[in-house]
Amino acid sequence: MAIDYEFISSAAVSSELRRMRSRRPLVQCITNDVVQEITANVLLAAGMSPAMVPAPEEAAEFARGAADALLCNVGTPSEENSRGMVLAAESMNRAGKPWTLDPVGAGGTKWRDDLVSRLIDLHPTVIRGNGSEILACAGFEHSYKGVDSLDSSASALDAAKALAVRSRGVVCVSGEYDFTTDGKTVLATRGGSVMATLVVGTGCSLSALTAGFAAGAENVLVSTAACCQFVKFASEAAARASKGPGSFHDEYLDALYEITPESLARS
């Protein structure tokens, strides 16, 4: 299958990282129970500030006020946190601030799919998922093993384009290559390490990072692709320094912290 795309430039990745770190966005996270700690640590290491504020009683107020960006991750959905997501997303929309949807396990159950569909209809700034999740969100055939994708990012690109049109935002489908699209233009990133798939939360925390990169971005398509490339470089560095998944976890946080705009510009 021929895919029309271009790779994001090192200069763009460097520029977006510098912009993000100068802003140090506060990312409100309504995320799944399994990945709370790594998500917070990844945001801190990369140069952002995390805030776990899922309760519907305060989620909208926090989104309207303190938050620069929002993550809605449906990995362990409940009636309570789903209400928090909807209220916070509506609040971000009214405030004109960006939010990211991570449709973990989309296509798995009707209740989850109804929640994901409702959130998509609120027009996320970014939707970030693996191949199977993006295919499911767009109503295409897909395959899972648990919540792990059995569909490549390339096979989900048409679905990503269709989903971007529906959501009126940017869709990022992750895999060996990450493809980011607004429905017309496609930016690609490559690299990374398979070791990242052996540590819980690397994908979920990537979605939190894309939310932060979108804060104040002139072009969310570029900021999202830049975020993905930054993360791929970090996972490569972590894999070189680690012995296995346990040490990769720590090395990954260090790499996110140590990578500079200057080093990215030379890559």
C-alpha atoms as a PDB file:
ATOM      1  CA  MET A   1       0.000   0.000   0.000  1.00  0.00           C
ATOM      2  CA  ALA A   2       1.451   3.352  -1.050  1.00  0.00           C
ATOM      3  CA  ILE A   3       1.206   6.032   1.628  1.00  0.00           C
ATOM      4  CA  ASP A   4       1.615   9.727   0.880  1.00  0.00           C
ATOM      5  CA  TYR A   5       3.437  11.308   3.824  1.00  0.00           C
ATOM      6  CA  GLU A   6       6.522  13.245   4.809  1.00  0.00           C
ATOM      7  CA  PHE A   7       8.769  12.887   7.824  1.00  0.00           C
ATOM      8  CA  ILE A   8       8.799  15.725  10.305  1.00  0.00           C
ATOM      9  CA  SER A   9      12.084  17.642  10.256  1.00  0.00           C
ATOM     10  CA  SER A  10      14.596  17.657  13.093  1.00  0.00           C
ATOM     11  CA  ALA A  11      14.348  21.448  13.142  1.00  0.00           C
ATOM     12  CA  ALA A  12      10.600  21.278  13.759  1.00  0.00           C
ATOM     13  CA  VAL A  13      11.007  18.729  16.565  1.00  0.00           C
ATOM     14  CA  SER A  14      13.684  20.890  18.186  1.00  0.00           C
ATOM     15  CA  SER A  15      11.559  24.025  17.898  1.00  0.00           C
ATOM     16  CA  GLU A  16       8.484  22.389  19.387  1.00  0.00           C
ATOM     17  CA  LEU A  17      10.419  20.943  22.322  1.00  0.00           C
ATOM     18  CA  ARG A  18      11.941  24.361  23.059  1.00  0.00           C
ATOM     19  CA  ARG A  19       8.530  26.038  22.876  1.00  0.00           C
ATOM     20  CA  MET A  20       6.924  23.441  25.141  1.00  0.00           C
ATOM     21  CA  ARG A  21       9.643  23.621  27.785  1.00  0.00           C
ATOM     22  CA  SER A  22       9.569  27.428  27.843  1.00  0.00           C
ATOM     23  CA  ARG A  23       5.832  27.229  28.541  1.00  0.00           C
ATOM     24  CA  ARG A  24       5.907  24.251  30.939  1.00  0.00           C
ATOM     25  CA  PRO A  25       2.226  23.447  30.436  1.00  0.00           C
ATOM     26  CA  LEU A  26       0.070  22.037  33.210  1.00  0.00           C
ATOM     27  CA  VAL A  27      -1.654  18.910  31.901  1.00  0.00           C
ATOM     28  CA  GLN A  28      -4.837  17.775  33.617  1.00  0.00           C
ATOM     29  CA  CYS A  29      -5.000  13.994  33.396  1.00  0.00           C
ATOM     30  CA  ILE A  30      -8.136  11.893  33.622  1.00  0.00           C
ATOM     31  CA  THR A  31      -6.407   8.640  32.907  1.00  0.00           C
ATOM     32  CA  ASN A  32      -6.564   4.972  33.705  1.00  0.00           C
ATOM     33  CA  ASP A  33      -5.693   3.518  37.088  1.00  0.00           C
ATOM     34  CA  VAL A  34      -2.814   1.412  35.768  1.00  0.00           C
ATOM     35  CA  VAL A  35      -0.708   4.300  34.419  1.00  0.00           C
ATOM     36  CA  GLN A  36      -1.142   7.181  36.862  1.00  0.00           C
ATOM     37  CA  GLU A  37       2.418   7.140  38.194  1.00  0.00           C
ATOM     38  CA  ILE A  38       4.312   6.725  34.922  1.00  0.00           C
ATOM     39  CA  THR A  39       2.144   9.372  33.273  1.00  0.00           C
ATOM     40  CA  ALA A  40       2.922  11.909  35.977  1.00  0.00           C
ATOM     41  CA  ASN A  41       6.635  11.061  35.929  1.00  0.00           C
ATOM     42  CA  VAL A  42       6.863  11.215  32.130  1.00  0.00           C
ATOM     43  CA  LEU A  43       5.233  14.642  32.077  1.00  0.00           C
ATOM     44  CA  LEU A  44       7.611  15.931  34.737  1.00  0.00           C
ATOM     45  CA  ALA A  45      10.697  14.479  33.045  1.00  0.00           C
ATOM     46  CA  ALA A  46       9.769  15.968  29.674  1.00  0.00           C
ATOM     47  CA  GLY A  47       9.253  19.445  31.105  1.00  0.00           C
ATOM     48  CA  MET A  48       5.540  19.643  31.918  1.00  0.00           C
ATOM     49  CA  SER A  49       3.467  19.684  35.091  1.00  0.00           C
ATOM     50  CA  PRO A  50       0.897  16.924  35.769  1.00  0.00           C
ATOM     51  CA  ALA A  51      -2.360  17.228  37.662  1.00  0.00           C
ATOM     52  CA  MET A  52      -4.555  14.190  38.239  1.00  0.00           C
ATOM     53  CA  VAL A  53      -8.014  15.740  38.543  1.00  0.00           C
ATOM     54  CA  PRO A  54     -10.689  13.219  37.468  1.00  0.00           C
ATOM     55  CA  ALA A  55     -13.564  13.882  39.882  1.00  0.00           C
ATOM     56  CA  PRO A  56     -16.623  15.291  38.080  1.00  0.00           C
ATOM     57  CA  GLU A  57     -17.220  17.614  41.035  1.00  0.00           C
ATOM     58  CA  GLU A  58     -14.058  19.589  40.162  1.00  0.00           C
ATOM     59  CA  ALA A  59     -12.831  18.427  36.738  1.00  0.00           C
ATOM     60  CA  ALA A  60     -14.623  21.136  34.740  1.00  0.00           C
ATOM     61  CA  GLU A  61     -13.589  23.925  37.107  1.00  0.00           C
ATOM     62  CA  PHE A  62      -9.956  22.845  37.010  1.00  0.00           C
ATOM     63  CA  ALA A  63     -10.014  22.557  33.214  1.00  0.00           C
ATOM     64  CA  ARG A  64     -11.544  25.997  32.871  1.00  0.00           C
ATOM     65  CA  GLY A  65      -9.023  27.572  35.206  1.00  0.00           C
ATOM     66  CA  ALA A  66      -5.604  26.095  35.913  1.00  0.00           C
ATOM     67  CA  ALA A  67      -5.141  23.526  33.150  1.00  0.00           C
ATOM     68  CA  ASP A  68      -3.280  24.354  29.949  1.00  0.00           C
ATOM     69  CA  ALA A  69      -4.235  21.015  28.376  1.00  0.00           C
ATOM     70  CA  LEU A  70      -6.292  17.934  29.164  1.00  0.00           C
ATOM     71  CA  LEU A  71      -5.903  14.189  28.663  1.00  0.00           C
ATOM     72  CA  CYS A  72      -8.935  11.886  28.590  1.00  0.00           C
ATOM     73  CA  ASN A  73      -7.835   8.244  28.683  1.00  0.00           C
ATOM     74  CA  VAL A  74     -10.547   5.565  28.755  1.00  0.00           C
ATOM     75  CA  GLY A  75      -8.340   2.658  29.809  1.00  0.00           C
ATOM     76  CA  THR A  76     -10.250   1.889  33.018  1.00  0.00           C
ATOM     77  CA  PRO A  77     -13.556   3.693  32.501  1.00  0.00           C
ATOM     78  CA  SER A  78     -16.195   4.163  35.167  1.00  0.00           C
ATOM     79  CA  GLU A  79     -19.392   6.151  35.440  1.00  0.00           C
ATOM     80  CA  GLU A  80     -17.588   8.680  37.631  1.00  0.00           C
ATOM     81  CA  ASN A  81     -14.442   9.307  35.599  1.00  0.00           C
ATOM     82  CA  SER A  82     -16.376   9.256  32.329  1.00  0.00           C
ATOM     83  CA  ARG A  83     -18.554  12.092  33.630  1.00  0.00           C
ATOM     84  CA  GLY A  84     -15.393  13.905  34.635  1.00  0.00           C
ATOM     85  CA  MET A  85     -13.995  13.491  31.118  1.00  0.00           C
ATOM     86  CA  VAL A  86     -17.109  14.850  29.441  1.00  0.00           C
ATOM     87  CA  LEU A  87     -17.389  17.814  31.778  1.00  0.00           C
ATOM     88  CA  ALA A  88     -13.684  18.662  31.534  1.00  0.00           C
ATOM     89  CA  ALA A  89     -13.643  18.327  27.739  1.00  0.00           C
ATOM     90  CA  GLU A  90     -16.659  20.598  27.414  1.00  0.00           C
ATOM     91  CA  SER A  91     -14.935  23.100  29.686  1.00  0.00           C
ATOM     92  CA  MET A  92     -11.729  23.003  27.616  1.00  0.00           C
ATOM     93  CA  ASN A  93     -13.733  23.579  24.449  1.00  0.00           C
ATOM     94  CA  ARG A  94     -15.435  26.635  25.920  1.00  0.00           C
ATOM     95  CA  ALA A  95     -12.065  27.975  27.069  1.00  0.00           C
ATOM     96  CA  GLY A  96     -10.433  27.315  23.691  1.00  0.00           C
ATOM     97  CA  LYS A  97      -7.794  25.043  25.222  1.00  0.00           C
ATOM     98  CA  PRO A  98      -6.522  21.741  23.749  1.00  0.00           C
ATOM     99  CA  TRP A  99      -7.377  18.254  24.877  1.00  0.00           C
ATOM    100  CA  THR A 100      -6.341  14.780  23.809  1.00  0.00           C
ATOM    101  CA  LEU A 101      -8.434  11.610  23.712  1.00  0.00           C
ATOM    102  CA  ASP A 102      -6.736   8.241  24.141  1.00  0.00           C
ATOM    103  CA  PRO A 103      -9.394   5.654  23.160  1.00  0.00           C
ATOM    104  CA  VAL A 104      -7.771   2.692  24.940  1.00  0.00           C
ATOM    105  CA  GLY A 105      -9.505  -0.555  24.003  1.00  0.00           C
ATOM    106  CA  ALA A 106     -11.965   1.069  21.604  1.00  0.00           C
ATOM    107  CA  GLY A 107     -14.001  -1.659  19.928  1.00  0.00           C
ATOM    108  CA  GLY A 108     -13.864  -3.866  23.015  1.00  0.00           C
ATOM    109  CA  THR A 109     -17.296  -3.325  24.565  1.00  0.00           C
ATOM    110  CA  LYS A 110     -20.425  -1.364  23.666  1.00  0.00           C
ATOM    111  CA  TRP A 111     -20.318   0.732  26.869  1.00  0.00           C
ATOM    112  CA  ARG A 112     -16.734   1.799  26.198  1.00  0.00           C
ATOM    113  CA  ASP A 113     -17.498   2.491  22.544  1.00  0.00           C
ATOM    114  CA  ASP A 114     -20.463   4.672  23.491  1.00  0.00           C
ATOM    115  CA  LEU A 115     -18.199   6.692  25.788  1.00  0.00           C
ATOM    116  CA  VAL A 116     -15.507   7.016  23.118  1.00  0.00           C
ATOM    117  CA  SER A 117     -18.068   8.082  20.523  1.00  0.00           C
ATOM    118  CA  ARG A 118     -19.476  10.724  22.854  1.00  0.00           C
ATOM    119  CA  LEU A 119     -15.984  12.108  23.468  1.00  0.00           C
ATOM    120  CA  ILE A 120     -15.166  12.125  19.744  1.00  0.00           C
ATOM    121  CA  ASP A 121     -18.332  14.144  19.147  1.00  0.00           C
ATOM    122  CA  LEU A 122     -16.915  16.762  21.533  1.00  0.00           C
ATOM    123  CA  HIS A 123     -14.111  17.300  18.972  1.00  0.00           C
ATOM    124  CA  PRO A 124     -10.813  16.461  20.687  1.00  0.00           C
ATOM    125  CA  THR A 125      -7.846  18.526  19.585  1.00  0.00           C
ATOM    126  CA  VAL A 126      -5.882  15.265  19.222  1.00  0.00           C
ATOM    127  CA  ILE A 127      -6.896  11.613  19.188  1.00  0.00           C
ATOM    128  CA  ARG A 128      -3.914   9.329  19.819  1.00  0.00           C
ATOM    129  CA  GLY A 129      -4.129   5.554  19.700  1.00  0.00           C
ATOM    130  CA  ASN A 130      -2.675   2.380  18.254  1.00  0.00           C
ATOM    131  CA  GLY A 131      -3.741   0.916  14.931  1.00  0.00           C
ATOM    132  CA  SER A 132      -6.585  -1.203  16.251  1.00  0.00           C
ATOM    133  CA  GLU A 133      -7.983   1.611  18.391  1.00  0.00           C
ATOM    134  CA  ILE A 134      -8.025   4.084  15.521  1.00  0.00           C
ATOM    135  CA  LEU A 135      -9.614   1.527  13.196  1.00  0.00           C
ATOM    136  CA  ALA A 136     -12.301   0.824  15.791  1.00  0.00           C
ATOM    137  CA  CYS A 137     -12.998   4.526  16.401  1.00  0.00           C
ATOM    138  CA  ALA A 138     -13.517   5.032  12.675  1.00  0.00           C
ATOM    139  CA  GLY A 139     -15.772   1.984  12.341  1.00  0.00           C
ATOM    140  CA  PHE A 140     -13.256  -0.143  10.421  1.00  0.00           C
ATOM    141  CA  GLU A 141     -12.438  -3.808  10.970  1.00  0.00           C
ATOM    142  CA  HIS A 142      -9.748  -4.303  13.620  1.00  0.00           C
ATOM    143  CA  SER A 143      -7.990  -6.980  15.686  1.00  0.00           C
ATOM    144  CA  TYR A 144      -6.899  -7.024  19.347  1.00  0.00           C
ATOM    145  CA  LYS A 145      -5.086  -9.219  21.802  1.00  0.00           C
ATOM    146  CA  GLY A 146      -6.427  -7.772  25.026  1.00  0.00           C
ATOM    147  CA  VAL A 147      -5.782  -4.068  24.506  1.00  0.00           C
ATOM    148  CA  ASP A 148      -2.691  -4.670  22.360  1.00  0.00           C
ATOM    149  CA  SER A 149      -3.047  -3.819  18.701  1.00  0.00           C
ATOM    150  CA  LEU A 150      -2.725  -6.499  16.035  1.00  0.00           C
ATOM    151  CA  ASP A 151      -3.101  -3.864  13.315  1.00  0.00           C
ATOM    152  CA  SER A 152      -0.177  -1.805  12.045  1.00  0.00           C
ATOM    153  CA  SER A 153      -0.215   1.978  12.038  1.00  0.00           C
ATOM    154  CA  ALA A 154       0.043   1.959   8.239  1.00  0.00           C
ATOM    155  CA  SER A 155      -3.079  -0.194   7.924  1.00  0.00           C
ATOM    156  CA  ALA A 156      -4.990   2.342  10.026  1.00  0.00           C
ATOM    157  CA  LEU A 157      -4.006   5.463   8.096  1.00  0.00           C
ATOM    158  CA  ASP A 158      -7.207   5.674   6.025  1.00  0.00           C
ATOM    159  CA  ALA A 159      -9.179   5.254   9.243  1.00  0.00           C
ATOM    160  CA  ALA A 160      -7.097   7.999  10.872  1.00  0.00           C
ATOM    161  CA  LYS A 161      -7.881  10.376   8.025  1.00  0.00           C
ATOM    162  CA  ALA A 162     -11.597   9.609   8.243  1.00  0.00           C
ATOM    163  CA  LEU A 163     -11.539  10.056  12.009  1.00  0.00           C
ATOM    164  CA  ALA A 164      -9.745  13.400  11.686  1.00  0.00           C
ATOM    165  CA  VAL A 165     -12.516  14.627   9.391  1.00  0.00           C
ATOM    166  CA  ARG A 166     -15.195  13.478  11.854  1.00  0.00           C
ATOM    167  CA  SER A 167     -13.485  14.936  14.914  1.00  0.00           C
ATOM    168  CA  ARG A 168     -12.307  18.103  13.132  1.00  0.00           C
ATOM    169  CA  GLY A 169      -8.947  17.647  14.805  1.00  0.00           C
ATOM    170  CA  VAL A 170      -5.666  15.789  14.512  1.00  0.00           C
ATOM    171  CA  VAL A 171      -5.380  12.006  14.724  1.00  0.00           C
ATOM    172  CA  CYS A 172      -2.146  10.196  15.572  1.00  0.00           C
ATOM    173  CA  VAL A 173      -1.838   6.449  15.034  1.00  0.00           C
ATOM    174  CA  SER A 174       1.181   4.927  16.754  1.00  0.00           C
ATOM    175  CA  GLY A 175       3.294   1.937  15.803  1.00  0.00           C
ATOM    176  CA  GLU A 176       6.611   1.192  14.160  1.00  0.00           C
ATOM    177  CA  TYR A 177       5.921   4.393  12.257  1.00  0.00           C
ATOM    178  CA  ASP A 178       3.709   7.032  13.845  1.00  0.00           C
ATOM    179  CA  PHE A 179       1.376   8.774  11.415  1.00  0.00           C
ATOM    180  CA  THR A 180      -0.234  12.089  12.323  1.00  0.00           C
ATOM    181  CA  THR A 181      -2.936  13.570  10.105  1.00  0.00           C
ATOM    182  CA  ASP A 182      -5.531  16.321   9.940  1.00  0.00           C
ATOM    183  CA  GLY A 183      -7.409  14.374   7.269  1.00  0.00           C
ATOM    184  CA  LYS A 184      -5.296  15.730   4.413  1.00  0.00           C
ATOM    185  CA  THR A 185      -1.642  16.147   5.344  1.00  0.00           C
ATOM    186  CA  VAL A 186       0.241  13.233   6.921  1.00  0.00           C
ATOM    187  CA  LEU A 187       3.419  13.622   8.967  1.00  0.00           C
ATOM    188  CA  ALA A 188       5.405  10.540   9.913  1.00  0.00           C
ATOM    189  CA  THR A 189       7.950   9.679  12.577  1.00  0.00           C
ATOM    190  CA  ARG A 190      10.176   6.633  12.821  1.00  0.00           C
ATOM    191  CA  GLY A 191      12.518   4.956  15.251  1.00  0.00           C
ATOM    192  CA  GLY A 192      11.846   4.005  18.821  1.00  0.00           C
ATOM    193  CA  SER A 193      12.382   0.664  20.523  1.00  0.00           C
ATOM    194  CA  VAL A 194      10.316  -2.471  20.976  1.00  0.00           C
ATOM    195  CA  MET A 195      11.344  -2.278  24.635  1.00  0.00           C
ATOM    196  CA  ALA A 196       8.745   0.470  25.083  1.00  0.00           C
ATOM    197  CA  THR A 197       6.019  -2.106  24.484  1.00  0.00           C
ATOM    198  CA  LEU A 198       7.212  -4.091  27.526  1.00  0.00           C
ATOM    199  CA  VAL A 199       6.618  -1.254  29.996  1.00  0.00           C
ATOM    200  CA  VAL A 200       3.039  -0.415  30.945  1.00  0.00           C
ATOM    201  CA  GLY A 201       2.030   3.169  30.305  1.00  0.00           C
ATOM    202  CA  THR A 202       4.415   4.317  27.579  1.00  0.00           C
ATOM    203  CA  GLY A 203       1.564   4.714  25.095  1.00  0.00           C
ATOM    204  CA  CYS A 204      -0.818   6.286  27.575  1.00  0.00           C
ATOM    205  CA  SER A 205       1.833   8.740  28.720  1.00  0.00           C
ATOM    206  CA  LEU A 206       2.561   9.610  25.080  1.00  0.00           C
ATOM    207  CA  SER A 207      -1.036  10.774  24.809  1.00  0.00           C
ATOM    208  CA  ALA A 208      -0.516  13.001  27.855  1.00  0.00           C
ATOM    209  CA  LEU A 209       2.595  14.434  26.222  1.00  0.00           C
ATOM    210  CA  THR A 210       0.721  15.211  22.990  1.00  0.00           C
ATOM    211  CA  ALA A 211      -1.799  17.154  25.071  1.00  0.00           C
ATOM    212  CA  GLY A 212       0.981  19.232  26.591  1.00  0.00           C
ATOM    213  CA  PHE A 213       2.720  19.810  23.268  1.00  0.00           C
ATOM    214  CA  ALA A 214      -0.578  21.111  21.849  1.00  0.00           C
ATOM    215  CA  ALA A 215      -0.800  23.847  24.493  1.00  0.00           C
ATOM    216  CA  GLY A 216      -0.032  27.117  22.751  1.00  0.00           C
ATOM    217  CA  ALA A 217       0.941  25.388  19.496  1.00  0.00           C
ATOM    218  CA  GLU A 218       0.506  27.295  16.249  1.00  0.00           C
ATOM    219  CA  ASN A 219       0.076  24.033  14.344  1.00  0.00           C
ATOM    220  CA  VAL A 220      -1.188  21.018  16.300  1.00  0.00           C
ATOM    221  CA  LEU A 221      -0.373  18.658  13.430  1.00  0.00           C
ATOM    222  CA  VAL A 222       3.291  19.647  13.752  1.00  0.00           C
ATOM    223  CA  SER A 223       3.320  19.712  17.557  1.00  0.00           C
ATOM    224  CA  THR A 224       1.849  16.203  17.737  1.00  0.00           C
ATOM    225  CA  ALA A 225       4.291  14.711  15.241  1.00  0.00           C
ATOM    226  CA  ALA A 226       7.168  16.485  16.997  1.00  0.00           C
ATOM    227  CA  CYS A 227       6.071  14.995  20.309  1.00  0.00           C
ATOM    228  CA  CYS A 228       6.037  11.501  18.798  1.00  0.00           C
ATOM    229  CA  GLN A 229       9.527  11.899  17.358  1.00  0.00           C
ATOM    230  CA  PHE A 230      10.856  13.243  20.650  1.00  0.00           C
ATOM    231  CA  VAL A 231       9.479  10.168  22.415  1.00  0.00           C
ATOM    232  CA  LYS A 232      10.941   7.796  19.824  1.00  0.00           C
ATOM    233  CA  PHE A 233      14.370   9.339  20.303  1.00  0.00           C
ATOM    234  CA  ALA A 234      13.982   8.970  24.075  1.00  0.00           C
ATOM    235  CA  SER A 235      13.000   5.311  23.819  1.00  0.00           C
ATOM    236  CA  GLU A 236      16.009   4.602  21.567  1.00  0.00           C
ATOM    237  CA  ALA A 237      18.345   6.221  24.084  1.00  0.00           C
ATOM    238  CA  ALA A 238      16.713   4.303  26.939  1.00  0.00           C
ATOM    239  CA  ALA A 239      17.003   0.993  25.101  1.00  0.00           C
ATOM    240  CA  ARG A 240      20.728   1.525  24.506  1.00  0.00           C
ATOM    241  CA  ALA A 241      21.306   2.153  28.206  1.00  0.00           C
ATOM    242  CA  SER A 242      19.024  -0.517  29.676  1.00  0.00           C
ATOM    243  CA  LYS A 243      19.290  -4.244  30.366  1.00  0.00           C
ATOM    244  CA  GLY A 244      15.564  -5.021  30.254  1.00  0.00           C
ATOM    245  CA  PRO A 245      12.108  -3.583  30.945  1.00  0.00           C
ATOM    246  CA  GLY A 246      12.861  -2.635  34.549  1.00  0.00           C
ATOM    247  CA  SER A 247      15.896  -0.531  33.784  1.00  0.00           C
ATOM    248  CA  PHE A 248      14.266   0.744  30.580  1.00  0.00           C
ATOM    249  CA  HIS A 249      11.557   2.390  32.686  1.00  0.00           C
ATOM    250  CA  ASP A 250      14.118   4.458  34.590  1.00  0.00           C
ATOM    251  CA  GLU A 251      16.338   5.139  31.583  1.00  0.00           C
ATOM    252  CA  TYR A 252      13.299   6.331  29.620  1.00  0.00           C
ATOM    253  CA  LEU A 253      12.491   8.967  32.215  1.00  0.00           C
ATOM    254  CA  ASP A 254      16.124  10.065  32.234  1.00  0.00           C
ATOM    255  CA  ALA A 255      16.188  10.284  28.426  1.00  0.00           C
ATOM    256  CA  LEU A 256      13.058  12.441  28.317  1.00  0.00           C
ATOM    257  CA  TYR A 257      14.756  14.764  30.795  1.00  0.00           C
ATOM    258  CA  GLU A 258      18.189  14.789  29.141  1.00  0.00           C
ATOM    259  CA  ILE A 259      17.236  15.294  25.491  1.00  0.00           C
ATOM    260  CA  THR A 260      17.633  18.959  24.542  1.00  0.00           C
ATOM    261  CA  PRO A 261      16.395  21.015  21.592  1.00  0.00           C
ATOM    262  CA  GLU A 262      20.030  21.369  20.551  1.00  0.00           C
ATOM    263  CA  SER A 263      20.604  17.601  20.447  1.00  0.00           C
ATOM    264  CA  LEU A 264      17.412  17.123  18.442  1.00  0.00           C
ATOM    265  CA  ALA A 265      18.478  19.747  15.923  1.00  0.00           C
ATOM    266  CA  ARG A 266      21.657  17.745  15.273  1.00  0.00           C
ATOM    267  CA  SER A 267      19.827  14.404  14.884  1.00  0.00           C
END
